């Protein structure tokens, strides 16, 4: 079956995260909340998978639960301040690769349906709707919203349903974390491993994929124009 849709991972694929900016903001948040900076940063790291599943609720709930874990019952004013700062730092820290938006525009011009499949916390939902990604994608499948994480087939199938395509009609482009490319390949997708600067490698890698490329621009070479373009 021919590829009619392209799914993309977010982090280390379309964008990378400036963790130094996040770490600095965590220290300032700890100061504002009157908690130990190391303990505060450690809680965010320890709860990352629960936050990616949306298990702690929305972003305000995340702050409340984590602060209560350190013995602080935050006031509404403190929560508002922390949320404002959190949105601001993530919009600075999530940096699109230069080729990301041009590639999406080109694939849309060629007639492909486009989607995002990301293991991410609530912070990402705001970012992808601000940085130009959401406007270029036909469907967003964010783990904290759907309650499933890659490499579970559930999150990939959710994305396919949102796009109205079968897994065998999809190409999945990713850095390979969470064995995501192995999972996509097992579903019949064309897996593409992309290697580029700033990738963290924090969540492992994948071993099964059809193509391996250096940089996003090479994706266009793998996909011809479709008969019906947008």
N, C-alpha and C. Protein backbone atom coordinates (compact mmCIF):
# COMPACT_ATOMS: atom_id res chain seq x y z
N UNK A 1 0.84 -1.20 0.00
CA UNK A 1 0.00 0.00 0.00
C UNK A 1 0.88 1.25 0.00
N UNK A 2 0.50 2.28 -0.76
CA UNK A 2 1.28 3.49 -0.85
C UNK A 2 1.14 4.35 0.40
N UNK A 3 2.18 5.08 0.74
CA UNK A 3 2.13 6.02 1.85
C UNK A 3 1.27 7.21 1.47
N UNK A 4 0.28 7.50 2.31
CA UNK A 4 -0.58 8.66 2.09
C UNK A 4 -0.51 9.66 3.24
N UNK A 5 0.14 9.25 4.34
CA UNK A 5 0.20 10.11 5.53
C UNK A 5 1.58 9.97 6.18
N UNK A 6 2.02 11.04 6.81
CA UNK A 6 3.30 11.04 7.50
C UNK A 6 3.07 11.47 8.94
N UNK A 7 3.49 10.63 9.87
CA UNK A 7 3.44 10.93 11.29
C UNK A 7 4.83 11.33 11.76
N UNK A 8 4.89 12.33 12.61
CA UNK A 8 6.15 12.80 13.15
C UNK A 8 6.15 12.72 14.67
N UNK A 9 7.28 12.35 15.22
CA UNK A 9 7.56 12.56 16.63
C UNK A 9 7.83 14.05 16.83
N UNK A 10 7.77 14.52 18.08
CA UNK A 10 8.05 15.93 18.36
C UNK A 10 9.50 16.14 18.79
N UNK A 11 9.81 15.71 20.02
CA UNK A 11 11.12 16.02 20.58
C UNK A 11 12.24 15.25 19.88
N UNK A 12 13.30 15.97 19.57
CA UNK A 12 14.48 15.44 18.88
C UNK A 12 14.17 15.01 17.45
N UNK A 13 12.99 15.41 16.96
CA UNK A 13 12.60 15.13 15.57
C UNK A 13 12.23 16.43 14.87
N UNK A 14 11.10 17.01 15.23
CA UNK A 14 10.73 18.33 14.68
C UNK A 14 11.31 19.47 15.51
N UNK A 15 11.59 19.18 16.78
CA UNK A 15 12.10 20.22 17.67
C UNK A 15 13.01 19.57 18.71
N UNK A 16 13.83 20.40 19.35
CA UNK A 16 14.64 19.92 20.46
C UNK A 16 14.40 20.81 21.67
N UNK A 17 14.74 20.31 22.84
CA UNK A 17 14.45 20.99 24.08
C UNK A 17 15.73 21.56 24.68
N UNK A 18 15.72 22.86 25.00
CA UNK A 18 16.83 23.48 25.71
C UNK A 18 16.68 23.19 27.20
N UNK A 19 17.23 22.06 27.63
CA UNK A 19 17.06 21.64 29.03
C UNK A 19 17.73 22.60 30.00
N UNK A 20 18.75 23.34 29.55
CA UNK A 20 19.40 24.30 30.44
C UNK A 20 18.43 25.41 30.85
N UNK A 21 17.55 25.83 29.93
CA UNK A 21 16.56 26.84 30.27
C UNK A 21 15.53 26.30 31.25
N UNK A 22 15.11 25.06 31.05
CA UNK A 22 14.15 24.45 31.97
C UNK A 22 14.77 24.30 33.36
N UNK A 23 16.01 23.84 33.42
CA UNK A 23 16.68 23.65 34.72
C UNK A 23 16.80 24.97 35.48
N UNK A 24 17.14 26.04 34.78
CA UNK A 24 17.26 27.34 35.43
C UNK A 24 15.91 27.81 35.95
N UNK A 25 14.85 27.57 35.17
CA UNK A 25 13.52 27.97 35.61
C UNK A 25 13.07 27.15 36.82
N UNK A 26 13.40 25.88 36.87
CA UNK A 26 13.04 25.06 38.03
C UNK A 26 13.67 25.63 39.30
N UNK A 27 14.90 26.10 39.22
CA UNK A 27 15.55 26.69 40.39
C UNK A 27 14.83 27.96 40.84
N UNK A 28 14.41 28.77 39.89
CA UNK A 28 13.68 29.98 40.24
C UNK A 28 12.30 29.65 40.80
N UNK A 29 11.64 28.64 40.26
CA UNK A 29 10.35 28.22 40.81
C UNK A 29 10.50 27.75 42.25
N UNK A 30 11.55 26.99 42.52
CA UNK A 30 11.79 26.51 43.88
C UNK A 30 11.96 27.69 44.83
N UNK A 31 12.69 28.71 44.39
CA UNK A 31 12.88 29.89 45.24
C UNK A 31 11.54 30.58 45.51
N UNK A 32 10.73 30.75 44.48
CA UNK A 32 9.44 31.42 44.64
C UNK A 32 8.50 30.64 45.55
N UNK A 33 8.57 29.29 45.46
CA UNK A 33 7.68 28.45 46.26
C UNK A 33 8.23 28.14 47.64
N UNK A 34 9.48 28.49 47.89
CA UNK A 34 10.09 28.22 49.19
C UNK A 34 10.38 26.76 49.43
N UNK A 35 10.80 26.03 48.38
CA UNK A 35 11.14 24.61 48.52
C UNK A 35 12.59 24.39 48.09
N UNK A 36 13.12 23.25 48.46
CA UNK A 36 14.49 22.91 48.09
C UNK A 36 14.59 22.70 46.58
N UNK A 37 15.58 23.35 45.95
CA UNK A 37 15.68 23.31 44.50
C UNK A 37 15.97 21.91 43.98
N UNK A 38 16.84 21.17 44.66
CA UNK A 38 17.16 19.82 44.20
C UNK A 38 15.96 18.89 44.33
N UNK A 39 15.22 19.04 45.44
CA UNK A 39 14.04 18.19 45.63
C UNK A 39 12.97 18.52 44.59
N UNK A 40 12.82 19.80 44.28
CA UNK A 40 11.83 20.24 43.29
C UNK A 40 12.17 19.68 41.91
N UNK A 41 13.43 19.83 41.51
CA UNK A 41 13.84 19.30 40.21
C UNK A 41 13.71 17.78 40.17
N UNK A 42 14.04 17.13 41.28
CA UNK A 42 13.95 15.67 41.33
C UNK A 42 12.53 15.16 41.19
N UNK A 43 11.57 15.90 41.76
CA UNK A 43 10.17 15.49 41.63
C UNK A 43 9.70 15.55 40.18
N UNK A 44 10.09 16.59 39.47
CA UNK A 44 9.70 16.70 38.06
C UNK A 44 10.27 15.54 37.26
N UNK A 45 11.52 15.18 37.54
CA UNK A 45 12.13 14.06 36.81
C UNK A 45 11.46 12.74 37.18
N UNK A 46 11.18 12.54 38.47
CA UNK A 46 10.63 11.27 38.93
C UNK A 46 9.22 11.02 38.40
N UNK A 47 8.50 12.09 38.11
CA UNK A 47 7.11 11.97 37.68
C UNK A 47 6.93 12.13 36.17
N UNK A 48 8.01 12.04 35.42
CA UNK A 48 7.91 12.37 34.00
C UNK A 48 6.95 11.44 33.23
N UNK A 49 6.99 10.15 33.51
CA UNK A 49 6.10 9.24 32.77
C UNK A 49 4.64 9.46 33.15
N UNK A 50 4.36 9.69 34.43
CA UNK A 50 2.99 10.00 34.84
C UNK A 50 2.51 11.29 34.20
N UNK A 51 3.38 12.28 34.11
CA UNK A 51 2.98 13.54 33.47
C UNK A 51 2.74 13.34 31.98
N UNK A 52 3.55 12.50 31.34
CA UNK A 52 3.33 12.21 29.92
C UNK A 52 2.02 11.48 29.68
N UNK A 53 1.57 10.70 30.66
CA UNK A 53 0.27 10.00 30.53
C UNK A 53 -0.90 10.89 30.91
N UNK A 54 -0.62 12.07 31.45
CA UNK A 54 -1.68 12.94 31.94
C UNK A 54 -2.24 12.48 33.26
N UNK A 55 -1.50 11.62 33.97
CA UNK A 55 -2.02 11.03 35.21
C UNK A 55 -2.15 12.04 36.34
N UNK A 56 -1.44 13.16 36.27
CA UNK A 56 -1.53 14.18 37.32
C UNK A 56 -2.55 15.26 36.99
N UNK A 57 -3.19 15.16 35.84
CA UNK A 57 -4.15 16.17 35.44
C UNK A 57 -3.50 17.23 34.56
N UNK A 58 -4.09 18.42 34.53
CA UNK A 58 -3.57 19.51 33.73
C UNK A 58 -2.34 20.13 34.38
N UNK A 59 -1.82 21.17 33.75
CA UNK A 59 -0.59 21.77 34.23
C UNK A 59 -0.74 22.36 35.63
N UNK A 60 -1.85 22.99 35.89
CA UNK A 60 -2.08 23.53 37.24
C UNK A 60 -2.13 22.41 38.27
N UNK A 61 -2.75 21.29 37.90
CA UNK A 61 -2.80 20.14 38.81
C UNK A 61 -1.39 19.59 39.06
N UNK A 62 -0.56 19.57 38.00
CA UNK A 62 0.82 19.09 38.17
C UNK A 62 1.54 19.91 39.25
N UNK A 63 1.46 21.21 39.12
CA UNK A 63 2.14 22.06 40.11
C UNK A 63 1.59 21.84 41.51
N UNK A 64 0.27 21.76 41.62
CA UNK A 64 -0.32 21.59 42.94
C UNK A 64 0.12 20.26 43.57
N UNK A 65 0.03 19.18 42.80
CA UNK A 65 0.38 17.85 43.32
C UNK A 65 1.86 17.79 43.72
N UNK A 66 2.73 18.32 42.87
CA UNK A 66 4.16 18.25 43.15
C UNK A 66 4.54 19.12 44.34
N UNK A 67 3.95 20.30 44.45
CA UNK A 67 4.24 21.15 45.60
C UNK A 67 3.71 20.54 46.89
N UNK A 68 2.54 19.95 46.83
CA UNK A 68 2.01 19.28 48.01
C UNK A 68 2.89 18.12 48.44
N UNK A 69 3.55 17.49 47.46
CA UNK A 69 4.49 16.43 47.79
C UNK A 69 5.69 16.91 48.57
N UNK A 70 5.94 18.22 48.50
CA UNK A 70 7.03 18.82 49.29
C UNK A 70 6.49 19.61 50.48
N UNK A 71 5.21 19.39 50.80
CA UNK A 71 4.63 20.00 51.99
C UNK A 71 4.13 21.41 51.82
N UNK A 72 3.93 21.86 50.58
CA UNK A 72 3.46 23.22 50.32
C UNK A 72 2.08 23.16 49.69
N UNK A 73 1.13 23.88 50.28
CA UNK A 73 -0.21 23.99 49.69
C UNK A 73 -0.25 25.35 48.98
N UNK A 74 -0.06 25.36 47.65
CA UNK A 74 0.14 26.64 46.96
C UNK A 74 -1.12 27.49 46.92
N UNK A 75 -0.93 28.79 47.07
CA UNK A 75 -2.03 29.74 46.94
C UNK A 75 -2.38 29.91 45.46
N UNK A 76 -3.59 30.37 45.16
CA UNK A 76 -3.94 30.63 43.75
C UNK A 76 -2.97 31.61 43.09
N UNK A 77 -2.51 32.60 43.84
CA UNK A 77 -1.59 33.58 43.27
C UNK A 77 -0.26 32.94 42.91
N UNK A 78 0.24 32.04 43.78
CA UNK A 78 1.50 31.35 43.47
C UNK A 78 1.34 30.44 42.26
N UNK A 79 0.23 29.73 42.19
CA UNK A 79 -0.01 28.86 41.04
C UNK A 79 -0.06 29.66 39.74
N UNK A 80 -0.75 30.80 39.78
CA UNK A 80 -0.84 31.63 38.58
C UNK A 80 0.55 32.09 38.13
N UNK A 81 1.38 32.50 39.09
CA UNK A 81 2.72 32.96 38.77
C UNK A 81 3.56 31.83 38.18
N UNK A 82 3.50 30.67 38.80
CA UNK A 82 4.29 29.54 38.32
C UNK A 82 3.84 29.08 36.94
N UNK A 83 2.53 29.07 36.71
CA UNK A 83 2.02 28.67 35.40
C UNK A 83 2.45 29.66 34.31
N UNK A 84 2.38 30.94 34.62
CA UNK A 84 2.80 31.95 33.65
C UNK A 84 4.27 31.76 33.28
N UNK A 85 5.10 31.53 34.30
CA UNK A 85 6.52 31.33 34.06
C UNK A 85 6.77 30.03 33.29
N UNK A 86 6.01 29.00 33.61
CA UNK A 86 6.19 27.70 32.95
C UNK A 86 5.87 27.80 31.46
N UNK A 87 4.76 28.44 31.14
CA UNK A 87 4.42 28.61 29.72
C UNK A 87 5.51 29.40 29.00
N UNK A 88 6.01 30.44 29.63
CA UNK A 88 7.01 31.29 28.99
C UNK A 88 8.31 30.53 28.73
N UNK A 89 8.77 29.76 29.72
CA UNK A 89 10.05 29.09 29.53
C UNK A 89 9.95 27.97 28.50
N UNK A 90 8.83 27.25 28.46
CA UNK A 90 8.71 26.17 27.48
C UNK A 90 8.61 26.72 26.06
N UNK A 91 7.98 27.88 25.91
CA UNK A 91 7.94 28.47 24.58
C UNK A 91 9.31 28.95 24.12
N UNK A 92 10.20 29.24 25.06
CA UNK A 92 11.57 29.58 24.69
C UNK A 92 12.43 28.33 24.50
N UNK A 93 12.16 27.30 25.30
CA UNK A 93 13.05 26.15 25.36
C UNK A 93 12.81 25.14 24.24
N UNK A 94 11.58 25.04 23.72
CA UNK A 94 11.30 24.12 22.63
C UNK A 94 11.64 24.82 21.32
N UNK A 95 12.69 24.35 20.68
CA UNK A 95 13.25 25.02 19.51
C UNK A 95 13.05 24.16 18.27
N UNK A 96 12.35 24.69 17.29
CA UNK A 96 12.14 23.96 16.05
C UNK A 96 13.44 23.82 15.27
N UNK A 97 13.64 22.64 14.68
CA UNK A 97 14.74 22.49 13.74
C UNK A 97 14.45 23.37 12.52
N UNK A 98 15.47 23.97 11.93
CA UNK A 98 15.23 24.90 10.81
C UNK A 98 14.46 24.29 9.65
N UNK A 99 14.62 22.97 9.44
CA UNK A 99 13.96 22.33 8.30
C UNK A 99 12.52 21.92 8.60
N UNK A 100 12.08 22.03 9.86
CA UNK A 100 10.79 21.45 10.25
C UNK A 100 9.61 22.07 9.49
N UNK A 101 9.42 23.37 9.61
CA UNK A 101 8.26 23.99 8.98
C UNK A 101 8.34 23.93 7.45
N UNK A 102 9.49 24.19 6.83
CA UNK A 102 9.56 24.02 5.37
C UNK A 102 9.22 22.61 4.91
N UNK A 103 9.67 21.60 5.65
CA UNK A 103 9.34 20.22 5.27
C UNK A 103 7.84 19.97 5.36
N UNK A 104 7.21 20.40 6.44
CA UNK A 104 5.76 20.20 6.58
C UNK A 104 5.01 20.91 5.47
N UNK A 105 5.43 22.12 5.15
CA UNK A 105 4.78 22.85 4.06
C UNK A 105 4.92 22.12 2.73
N UNK A 106 6.10 21.56 2.49
CA UNK A 106 6.33 20.85 1.23
C UNK A 106 5.49 19.58 1.16
N UNK A 107 5.42 18.83 2.26
CA UNK A 107 4.64 17.60 2.26
C UNK A 107 3.15 17.89 2.12
N UNK A 108 2.69 18.95 2.71
CA UNK A 108 1.29 19.36 2.52
C UNK A 108 1.04 19.71 1.06
N UNK A 109 2.00 20.43 0.45
CA UNK A 109 1.85 20.79 -0.96
C UNK A 109 1.77 19.56 -1.84
N UNK A 110 2.49 18.50 -1.44
CA UNK A 110 2.50 17.26 -2.22
C UNK A 110 1.26 16.40 -1.96
N UNK A 111 0.42 16.77 -1.01
CA UNK A 111 -0.83 16.06 -0.80
C UNK A 111 -0.84 15.05 0.32
N UNK A 112 0.16 15.04 1.19
CA UNK A 112 0.19 14.08 2.30
C UNK A 112 -0.57 14.61 3.50
N UNK A 113 -1.27 13.70 4.18
CA UNK A 113 -1.87 14.04 5.47
C UNK A 113 -0.76 13.93 6.52
N UNK A 114 -0.79 14.85 7.49
CA UNK A 114 0.32 14.97 8.44
C UNK A 114 -0.19 14.92 9.87
N UNK A 115 0.55 14.20 10.72
CA UNK A 115 0.16 14.12 12.12
C UNK A 115 1.36 14.11 13.03
N UNK A 116 1.10 14.40 14.29
CA UNK A 116 2.12 14.39 15.34
C UNK A 116 1.77 13.31 16.34
N UNK A 117 2.76 12.49 16.72
CA UNK A 117 2.57 11.46 17.75
C UNK A 117 3.69 11.66 18.77
N UNK A 118 3.34 12.21 19.93
CA UNK A 118 4.39 12.61 20.86
C UNK A 118 4.13 12.10 22.27
N UNK A 119 5.19 11.56 22.89
CA UNK A 119 5.20 11.34 24.33
C UNK A 119 5.58 12.67 24.97
N UNK A 120 4.61 13.33 25.56
CA UNK A 120 4.88 14.68 26.08
C UNK A 120 3.93 15.00 27.22
N UNK A 121 4.32 15.98 28.02
CA UNK A 121 3.48 16.44 29.12
C UNK A 121 2.66 17.64 28.67
N UNK A 122 1.87 18.18 29.59
CA UNK A 122 0.93 19.24 29.24
C UNK A 122 1.61 20.48 28.68
N UNK A 123 2.86 20.70 29.04
CA UNK A 123 3.58 21.87 28.53
C UNK A 123 3.62 21.89 27.00
N UNK A 124 3.73 20.71 26.39
CA UNK A 124 3.87 20.65 24.93
C UNK A 124 2.61 21.08 24.20
N UNK A 125 1.45 20.85 24.79
CA UNK A 125 0.20 21.21 24.13
C UNK A 125 0.14 22.68 23.79
N UNK A 126 0.59 23.52 24.72
CA UNK A 126 0.61 24.96 24.48
C UNK A 126 1.64 25.31 23.42
N UNK A 127 2.81 24.69 23.51
CA UNK A 127 3.91 25.04 22.61
C UNK A 127 3.56 24.74 21.16
N UNK A 128 3.06 23.53 20.87
CA UNK A 128 2.82 23.17 19.46
C UNK A 128 1.70 23.99 18.84
N UNK A 129 0.89 24.61 19.67
CA UNK A 129 -0.17 25.46 19.14
C UNK A 129 0.31 26.90 18.96
N UNK A 130 1.51 27.19 19.44
CA UNK A 130 2.07 28.54 19.32
C UNK A 130 3.19 28.62 18.29
N UNK A 131 3.90 27.52 18.06
CA UNK A 131 5.13 27.62 17.26
C UNK A 131 4.95 27.30 15.78
N UNK A 132 3.72 27.16 15.34
CA UNK A 132 3.46 26.94 13.92
C UNK A 132 3.25 25.49 13.52
N UNK A 133 3.48 24.56 14.44
CA UNK A 133 3.31 23.14 14.10
C UNK A 133 1.84 22.78 13.92
N UNK A 134 1.02 23.12 14.89
CA UNK A 134 -0.38 22.70 14.86
C UNK A 134 -1.08 23.17 13.59
N UNK A 135 -0.75 24.36 13.13
CA UNK A 135 -1.40 24.91 11.93
C UNK A 135 -1.05 24.13 10.67
N UNK A 136 0.03 23.37 10.72
CA UNK A 136 0.49 22.63 9.54
C UNK A 136 0.16 21.14 9.63
N UNK A 137 -0.46 20.71 10.71
CA UNK A 137 -0.73 19.29 10.92
C UNK A 137 -2.23 19.03 10.91
N UNK A 138 -2.60 17.87 10.39
CA UNK A 138 -4.01 17.50 10.34
C UNK A 138 -4.49 16.88 11.65
N UNK A 139 -3.59 16.36 12.46
CA UNK A 139 -3.99 15.73 13.72
C UNK A 139 -2.83 15.78 14.71
N UNK A 140 -3.17 16.06 15.96
CA UNK A 140 -2.19 16.03 17.06
C UNK A 140 -2.57 14.89 17.99
N UNK A 141 -1.65 13.97 18.19
CA UNK A 141 -1.86 12.88 19.14
C UNK A 141 -0.80 13.02 20.21
N UNK A 142 -1.19 13.63 21.32
CA UNK A 142 -0.27 13.94 22.42
C UNK A 142 -0.57 13.00 23.57
N UNK A 143 0.45 12.36 24.08
CA UNK A 143 0.25 11.29 25.06
C UNK A 143 -0.52 11.75 26.29
N UNK A 144 -0.27 12.97 26.77
CA UNK A 144 -0.93 13.42 27.98
C UNK A 144 -2.43 13.63 27.75
N UNK A 145 -2.83 13.81 26.51
CA UNK A 145 -4.25 13.98 26.19
C UNK A 145 -4.94 12.65 25.95
N UNK A 146 -4.24 11.68 25.36
CA UNK A 146 -4.89 10.39 25.02
C UNK A 146 -4.63 9.32 26.08
N UNK A 147 -3.72 9.58 27.03
CA UNK A 147 -3.48 8.63 28.11
C UNK A 147 -2.73 7.38 27.71
N UNK A 148 -1.97 7.45 26.62
CA UNK A 148 -1.18 6.31 26.15
C UNK A 148 0.18 6.81 25.71
N UNK A 149 1.19 5.96 25.89
CA UNK A 149 2.57 6.31 25.57
C UNK A 149 3.12 5.40 24.49
N UNK A 150 3.94 5.94 23.59
CA UNK A 150 4.75 5.08 22.74
C UNK A 150 5.69 4.29 23.64
N UNK A 151 5.89 3.00 23.37
CA UNK A 151 5.62 2.28 22.12
C UNK A 151 4.28 1.54 22.07
N UNK A 152 3.32 1.89 22.92
CA UNK A 152 2.02 1.21 22.87
C UNK A 152 1.37 1.39 21.50
N UNK A 153 0.86 0.32 20.90
CA UNK A 153 0.15 0.47 19.62
C UNK A 153 -1.02 1.44 19.71
N UNK A 154 -1.59 1.57 20.90
CA UNK A 154 -2.79 2.40 21.07
C UNK A 154 -2.59 3.82 20.58
N UNK A 155 -1.44 4.41 20.90
CA UNK A 155 -1.23 5.82 20.54
C UNK A 155 -1.05 5.97 19.03
N UNK A 156 -0.39 5.01 18.39
CA UNK A 156 -0.24 5.05 16.94
C UNK A 156 -1.59 4.86 16.24
N UNK A 157 -2.39 3.92 16.74
CA UNK A 157 -3.69 3.67 16.13
C UNK A 157 -4.62 4.86 16.32
N UNK A 158 -4.49 5.53 17.45
CA UNK A 158 -5.27 6.76 17.67
C UNK A 158 -4.93 7.79 16.60
N UNK A 159 -3.63 7.93 16.32
CA UNK A 159 -3.20 8.89 15.30
C UNK A 159 -3.73 8.51 13.92
N UNK A 160 -3.68 7.24 13.60
CA UNK A 160 -4.19 6.78 12.31
C UNK A 160 -5.68 7.04 12.16
N UNK A 161 -6.42 6.75 13.21
CA UNK A 161 -7.86 7.01 13.19
C UNK A 161 -8.14 8.49 12.99
N UNK A 162 -7.37 9.34 13.66
CA UNK A 162 -7.56 10.79 13.54
C UNK A 162 -7.32 11.27 12.12
N UNK A 163 -6.40 10.60 11.41
CA UNK A 163 -6.10 10.99 10.04
C UNK A 163 -6.95 10.25 9.01
N UNK A 164 -7.67 9.22 9.46
CA UNK A 164 -8.49 8.44 8.54
C UNK A 164 -7.69 7.55 7.63
N UNK A 165 -6.57 6.99 8.14
CA UNK A 165 -5.72 6.13 7.33
C UNK A 165 -5.40 4.86 8.10
N UNK A 166 -4.95 3.84 7.39
CA UNK A 166 -4.47 2.60 8.00
C UNK A 166 -3.00 2.75 8.36
N UNK A 167 -2.51 2.01 9.35
CA UNK A 167 -1.08 2.07 9.67
C UNK A 167 -0.18 1.80 8.47
N UNK A 168 -0.60 0.90 7.59
CA UNK A 168 0.22 0.56 6.42
C UNK A 168 0.29 1.68 5.39
N UNK A 169 -0.51 2.72 5.58
CA UNK A 169 -0.45 3.89 4.69
C UNK A 169 0.45 4.98 5.25
N UNK A 170 1.07 4.73 6.42
CA UNK A 170 1.80 5.78 7.13
C UNK A 170 3.31 5.60 7.09
N UNK A 171 3.99 6.71 7.01
CA UNK A 171 5.40 6.80 7.33
C UNK A 171 5.50 7.44 8.71
N UNK A 172 6.40 6.93 9.56
CA UNK A 172 6.60 7.51 10.88
C UNK A 172 8.05 7.96 10.98
N UNK A 173 8.25 9.24 11.24
CA UNK A 173 9.58 9.85 11.31
C UNK A 173 9.89 10.19 12.76
N UNK A 174 11.01 9.70 13.26
CA UNK A 174 11.32 9.90 14.68
C UNK A 174 12.81 9.70 14.94
N UNK A 175 13.23 10.12 16.13
CA UNK A 175 14.62 9.88 16.55
C UNK A 175 14.79 8.47 17.10
N UNK A 176 13.69 7.78 17.41
CA UNK A 176 13.77 6.39 17.84
C UNK A 176 13.65 6.14 19.32
N UNK A 177 13.45 7.17 20.12
CA UNK A 177 13.31 6.99 21.57
C UNK A 177 12.13 6.09 21.89
N UNK A 178 12.15 5.48 23.07
CA UNK A 178 11.06 4.63 23.56
C UNK A 178 10.81 3.42 22.65
N UNK A 179 11.78 3.02 21.84
CA UNK A 179 11.61 1.97 20.82
C UNK A 179 10.41 2.25 19.92
N UNK A 180 10.15 3.54 19.69
CA UNK A 180 8.97 3.94 18.93
C UNK A 180 8.99 3.46 17.48
N UNK A 181 10.16 3.43 16.86
CA UNK A 181 10.23 2.98 15.47
C UNK A 181 10.01 1.48 15.35
N UNK A 182 10.46 0.72 16.34
CA UNK A 182 10.18 -0.71 16.36
C UNK A 182 8.67 -0.95 16.40
N UNK A 183 7.99 -0.18 17.27
CA UNK A 183 6.54 -0.34 17.43
C UNK A 183 5.81 0.06 16.16
N UNK A 184 6.22 1.16 15.55
CA UNK A 184 5.57 1.60 14.32
C UNK A 184 5.78 0.59 13.19
N UNK A 185 6.99 0.06 13.09
CA UNK A 185 7.30 -0.94 12.07
C UNK A 185 6.45 -2.19 12.25
N UNK A 186 6.26 -2.60 13.51
CA UNK A 186 5.44 -3.78 13.80
C UNK A 186 4.00 -3.61 13.35
N UNK A 187 3.53 -2.36 13.30
CA UNK A 187 2.17 -2.07 12.84
C UNK A 187 2.08 -1.95 11.32
N UNK A 188 3.22 -2.03 10.65
CA UNK A 188 3.22 -1.94 9.19
C UNK A 188 3.57 -0.58 8.65
N UNK A 189 3.97 0.36 9.53
CA UNK A 189 4.36 1.68 9.06
C UNK A 189 5.78 1.65 8.48
N UNK A 190 6.08 2.63 7.63
CA UNK A 190 7.43 2.81 7.12
C UNK A 190 8.18 3.68 8.13
N UNK A 191 9.08 3.08 8.87
CA UNK A 191 9.81 3.81 9.90
C UNK A 191 11.03 4.52 9.34
N UNK A 192 11.23 5.78 9.76
CA UNK A 192 12.39 6.55 9.33
C UNK A 192 13.09 7.11 10.57
N UNK A 193 14.32 6.70 10.78
CA UNK A 193 15.16 7.21 11.85
C UNK A 193 15.86 8.48 11.36
N UNK A 194 15.66 9.58 12.10
CA UNK A 194 16.31 10.83 11.72
C UNK A 194 17.37 11.16 12.77
N UNK A 195 18.57 11.46 12.29
CA UNK A 195 19.67 11.84 13.16
C UNK A 195 20.04 13.29 12.87
N UNK A 196 20.13 14.10 13.94
CA UNK A 196 20.44 15.51 13.77
C UNK A 196 20.99 16.06 15.09
N UNK A 197 21.54 17.27 15.08
CA UNK A 197 22.12 17.82 16.30
C UNK A 197 21.10 18.01 17.42
N UNK A 198 21.61 18.10 18.64
CA UNK A 198 20.85 18.43 19.84
C UNK A 198 19.95 17.29 20.35
N UNK A 199 20.02 16.11 19.76
CA UNK A 199 19.19 15.01 20.25
C UNK A 199 19.73 14.52 21.59
N UNK A 200 18.83 14.28 22.53
CA UNK A 200 19.25 13.97 23.89
C UNK A 200 19.62 12.51 24.10
N UNK A 201 18.91 11.59 23.45
CA UNK A 201 19.14 10.17 23.68
C UNK A 201 18.72 9.70 25.06
N UNK A 202 17.86 10.47 25.72
CA UNK A 202 17.49 10.15 27.11
C UNK A 202 16.60 8.93 27.25
N UNK A 203 15.87 8.57 26.22
CA UNK A 203 14.88 7.50 26.36
C UNK A 203 15.16 6.33 25.43
N UNK A 204 16.42 6.03 25.21
CA UNK A 204 16.78 4.86 24.43
C UNK A 204 16.64 5.08 22.93
N UNK A 205 16.64 3.98 22.20
CA UNK A 205 16.61 4.09 20.74
C UNK A 205 15.81 2.94 20.16
N UNK A 206 15.81 2.85 18.84
CA UNK A 206 15.09 1.80 18.12
C UNK A 206 16.06 1.06 17.21
N UNK A 207 15.67 -0.16 16.83
CA UNK A 207 16.53 -0.96 15.96
C UNK A 207 15.86 -1.35 14.65
N UNK A 208 14.54 -1.18 14.55
CA UNK A 208 13.82 -1.57 13.34
C UNK A 208 13.24 -0.34 12.64
N UNK A 209 13.66 -0.11 11.43
CA UNK A 209 13.14 0.99 10.62
C UNK A 209 13.58 0.76 9.18
N UNK A 210 12.89 1.41 8.25
CA UNK A 210 13.17 1.19 6.83
C UNK A 210 14.27 2.11 6.31
N UNK A 211 14.37 3.31 6.86
CA UNK A 211 15.32 4.31 6.37
C UNK A 211 16.00 5.01 7.55
N UNK A 212 17.20 5.46 7.29
CA UNK A 212 17.95 6.25 8.27
C UNK A 212 18.49 7.47 7.55
N UNK A 213 18.14 8.67 8.04
CA UNK A 213 18.53 9.89 7.35
C UNK A 213 19.22 10.84 8.32
N UNK A 214 19.98 11.75 7.75
CA UNK A 214 20.64 12.79 8.53
C UNK A 214 19.95 14.11 8.23
N UNK A 215 19.09 14.55 9.13
CA UNK A 215 18.38 15.80 8.94
C UNK A 215 17.02 15.62 8.30
N UNK A 216 16.11 16.53 8.63
CA UNK A 216 14.73 16.44 8.18
C UNK A 216 14.56 16.66 6.68
N UNK A 217 15.43 17.46 6.09
CA UNK A 217 15.27 17.77 4.66
C UNK A 217 15.29 16.51 3.80
N UNK A 218 15.99 15.47 4.27
CA UNK A 218 16.09 14.23 3.49
C UNK A 218 14.76 13.48 3.41
N UNK A 219 13.82 13.79 4.28
CA UNK A 219 12.52 13.10 4.25
C UNK A 219 11.81 13.35 2.92
N UNK A 220 11.93 14.56 2.39
CA UNK A 220 11.24 14.89 1.15
C UNK A 220 11.70 14.00 0.00
N UNK A 221 12.96 13.55 0.05
CA UNK A 221 13.48 12.70 -1.02
C UNK A 221 12.86 11.31 -0.99
N UNK A 222 12.25 10.93 0.13
CA UNK A 222 11.65 9.60 0.24
C UNK A 222 10.19 9.57 -0.20
N UNK A 223 9.62 10.74 -0.46
CA UNK A 223 8.18 10.82 -0.72
C UNK A 223 7.89 11.59 -2.00
N UNK A 224 7.34 10.94 -3.01
CA UNK A 224 7.00 11.64 -4.25
C UNK A 224 5.71 12.43 -4.08
N UNK A 225 5.45 13.36 -4.98
CA UNK A 225 4.14 14.04 -4.97
C UNK A 225 3.02 13.02 -5.13
N UNK A 226 1.90 13.27 -4.48
CA UNK A 226 0.74 12.40 -4.64
C UNK A 226 -0.12 12.89 -5.77
N UNK A 227 -1.00 12.03 -6.26
CA UNK A 227 -1.84 12.36 -7.42
C UNK A 227 -2.74 13.55 -7.13
N UNK A 228 -3.24 13.61 -5.88
CA UNK A 228 -4.12 14.72 -5.50
C UNK A 228 -3.39 15.55 -4.49
N UNK A 229 -2.97 16.74 -4.85
CA UNK A 229 -2.27 17.62 -3.94
C UNK A 229 -3.23 18.65 -3.36
N UNK A 230 -2.79 19.29 -2.28
CA UNK A 230 -3.68 20.25 -1.61
C UNK A 230 -3.71 21.56 -2.36
